[in-house]
Amino acid sequence: MRHPSGKISFGGLVLLILVAGGIYLGAMFVPFYVDNMDVKEAVAAAFNRSPTADDDSLVRLIIERTSQMGTHWETDQFDQDILVPGLGLTADNITIERSTVSPNVRIEVEYTRRVRLKPTHNVRVVRFHVVKEGIPGQ
């Protein structure tokens, strides 16, 4: 049965709302997952350098590579949230473990990102966990 011109069915309205909601959520959350892919790349680069580099230089490498991507929220001296460049990773977010009996290396990065939803300004915390483990060069 056809609807008169200019009218929309209930099913069409629900579909339109779902599509708009998907676009909204994609616009809010996809950039954070793209940044996480860059973190995976930084961890892979550190993993590949692990046979010849010490743990401190690997941590510095990951922090340097992630300081150029994305943004994160920090609280300034006036207790105001400000958006600053970089992911804000510290050495506390990065764990490097080396096996004593084999050349196995495990590099783990755990961090959170705060997503401020627009227009409500509600904040959601998204947790990320990146692990690269194995024997470098294999």
Protein backbone atom coordinates (compact mmCIF):
# COMPACT_ATOMS: atom_id res chain seq x y z
CA MET A 1 0.00 0.00 0.00
CA ARG A 2 1.41 3.38 -0.98
CA HIS A 3 1.48 6.31 1.39
CA PRO A 4 0.32 9.70 0.23
CA SER A 5 3.05 11.98 -1.10
CA GLY A 6 5.13 13.64 1.63
CA LYS A 7 4.32 11.13 4.35
CA ILE A 8 6.68 8.55 5.82
CA SER A 9 5.88 5.22 7.39
CA PHE A 10 6.80 4.35 10.96
CA GLY A 11 9.33 1.77 9.73
CA GLY A 12 10.96 4.37 7.49
CA LEU A 13 11.21 6.78 10.43
CA VAL A 14 12.83 4.13 12.63
CA LEU A 15 15.31 3.29 9.86
CA LEU A 16 16.17 6.97 9.43
CA ILE A 17 16.76 7.36 13.18
CA LEU A 18 18.99 4.26 13.25
CA VAL A 19 21.06 5.47 10.30
CA ALA A 20 21.45 8.94 11.86
CA GLY A 21 22.44 7.36 15.20
CA GLY A 22 25.03 5.16 13.48
CA ILE A 23 26.54 8.15 11.71
CA TYR A 24 26.65 10.10 14.99
CA LEU A 25 28.33 7.26 16.91
CA GLY A 26 30.78 6.74 14.05
CA ALA A 27 31.72 10.41 14.05
CA MET A 28 32.23 10.36 17.83
CA PHE A 29 34.14 7.08 18.26
CA VAL A 30 35.90 6.16 14.98
CA PRO A 31 38.74 8.71 15.42
CA PHE A 32 39.70 7.06 18.71
CA TYR A 33 39.91 3.63 17.10
CA VAL A 34 41.97 5.07 14.22
CA ASP A 35 44.39 6.50 16.81
CA ASN A 36 44.53 3.05 18.42
CA MET A 37 45.65 1.60 15.08
CA ASP A 38 48.51 4.13 15.15
CA VAL A 39 49.38 2.99 18.69
CA LYS A 40 49.53 -0.60 17.38
CA GLU A 41 51.94 0.59 14.71
CA ALA A 42 54.14 2.34 17.32
CA VAL A 43 54.16 -0.83 19.44
CA ALA A 44 55.12 -2.89 16.38
CA ALA A 45 57.98 -0.49 15.62
CA ALA A 46 59.24 -0.76 19.20
CA PHE A 47 58.86 -4.56 19.06
CA ASN A 48 60.98 -4.72 15.91
CA ARG A 49 63.72 -2.64 17.57
CA SER A 50 63.64 -4.64 20.81
CA PRO A 51 66.58 -6.98 20.01
CA THR A 52 69.01 -4.06 19.85
CA ALA A 53 67.40 -1.45 22.11
CA ASP A 54 66.92 -1.29 25.86
CA ASP A 55 63.50 -1.00 27.49
CA ASP A 56 63.80 2.72 28.27
CA SER A 57 64.50 3.62 24.64
CA LEU A 58 61.54 1.48 23.52
CA VAL A 59 59.26 3.27 25.97
CA ARG A 60 60.54 6.63 24.71
CA LEU A 61 59.95 5.54 21.12
CA ILE A 62 56.30 4.65 21.83
CA ILE A 63 55.72 7.89 23.75
CA GLU A 64 57.33 10.00 21.00
CA ARG A 65 55.33 8.34 18.23
CA THR A 66 52.04 8.69 20.09
CA SER A 67 52.66 12.29 21.17
CA GLN A 68 52.06 13.42 17.58
CA MET A 69 48.66 11.76 17.11
CA GLY A 70 45.20 12.51 18.41
CA THR A 71 44.24 14.59 21.40
CA HIS A 72 43.42 13.94 25.03
CA TRP A 73 41.83 15.78 27.93
CA GLU A 74 43.91 17.12 30.81
CA THR A 75 42.97 19.16 33.85
CA ASP A 76 44.81 22.48 34.11
CA GLN A 77 45.82 24.39 37.25
CA PHE A 78 42.36 26.02 37.39
CA ASP A 79 40.65 22.59 37.49
CA GLN A 80 39.34 23.07 33.95
CA ASP A 81 39.40 20.30 31.35
CA ILE A 82 41.40 21.29 28.29
CA LEU A 83 42.01 19.42 25.06
CA VAL A 84 45.73 18.95 24.34
CA PRO A 85 47.55 17.24 21.45
CA GLY A 86 48.92 13.72 21.71
CA LEU A 87 47.56 10.67 23.48
CA GLY A 88 49.20 11.53 26.80
CA LEU A 89 50.84 8.15 27.26
CA THR A 90 53.36 7.84 30.07
CA ALA A 91 55.84 5.13 31.03
CA ASP A 92 53.19 3.81 33.45
CA ASN A 93 50.97 2.91 30.47
CA ILE A 94 53.70 0.80 28.84
CA THR A 95 54.92 -2.59 30.04
CA ILE A 96 57.86 -4.39 28.46
CA GLU A 97 58.70 -7.93 29.49
CA ARG A 98 61.64 -9.97 28.23
CA SER A 99 62.06 -13.69 28.71
CA THR A 100 65.20 -14.80 30.50
CA VAL A 101 65.37 -18.14 28.65
CA SER A 102 64.37 -17.15 25.10
CA PRO A 103 64.40 -14.03 22.91
CA ASN A 104 60.64 -13.61 23.51
CA VAL A 105 59.48 -10.01 24.07
CA ARG A 106 56.08 -8.74 25.19
CA ILE A 107 55.14 -5.07 24.81
CA GLU A 108 51.83 -4.00 26.28
CA VAL A 109 50.18 -0.57 26.22
CA GLU A 110 47.04 0.12 28.24
CA TYR A 111 45.37 3.51 28.12
CA THR A 112 41.99 5.20 28.25
CA ARG A 113 40.45 7.95 26.19
CA ARG A 114 37.64 10.23 27.27
CA VAL A 115 35.00 10.86 24.64
CA ARG A 116 32.90 13.97 25.17
CA LEU A 117 29.60 13.39 23.41
CA LYS A 118 28.04 16.37 21.66
CA PRO A 119 25.73 18.23 22.27
CA THR A 120 25.12 16.76 25.75
CA HIS A 121 28.77 16.93 26.89
CA ASN A 122 28.40 13.54 28.57
CA VAL A 123 31.78 11.86 28.92
CA ARG A 124 32.40 8.20 28.15
CA VAL A 125 35.66 6.43 28.87
CA VAL A 126 36.96 4.03 26.25
CA ARG A 127 39.70 1.61 27.28
CA PHE A 128 42.34 0.37 24.85
CA HIS A 129 44.76 -2.50 25.27
CA VAL A 130 47.51 -3.16 22.70
CA VAL A 131 49.81 -6.18 23.01
CA LYS A 132 52.61 -7.40 20.76
CA GLU A 133 54.34 -10.57 21.84
CA GLY A 134 56.74 -13.00 20.27
CA ILE A 135 60.26 -13.30 19.00
CA PRO A 136 61.26 -10.22 16.97
CA GLY A 137 62.27 -10.93 13.42
CA GLN A 138 60.17 -14.09 13.03
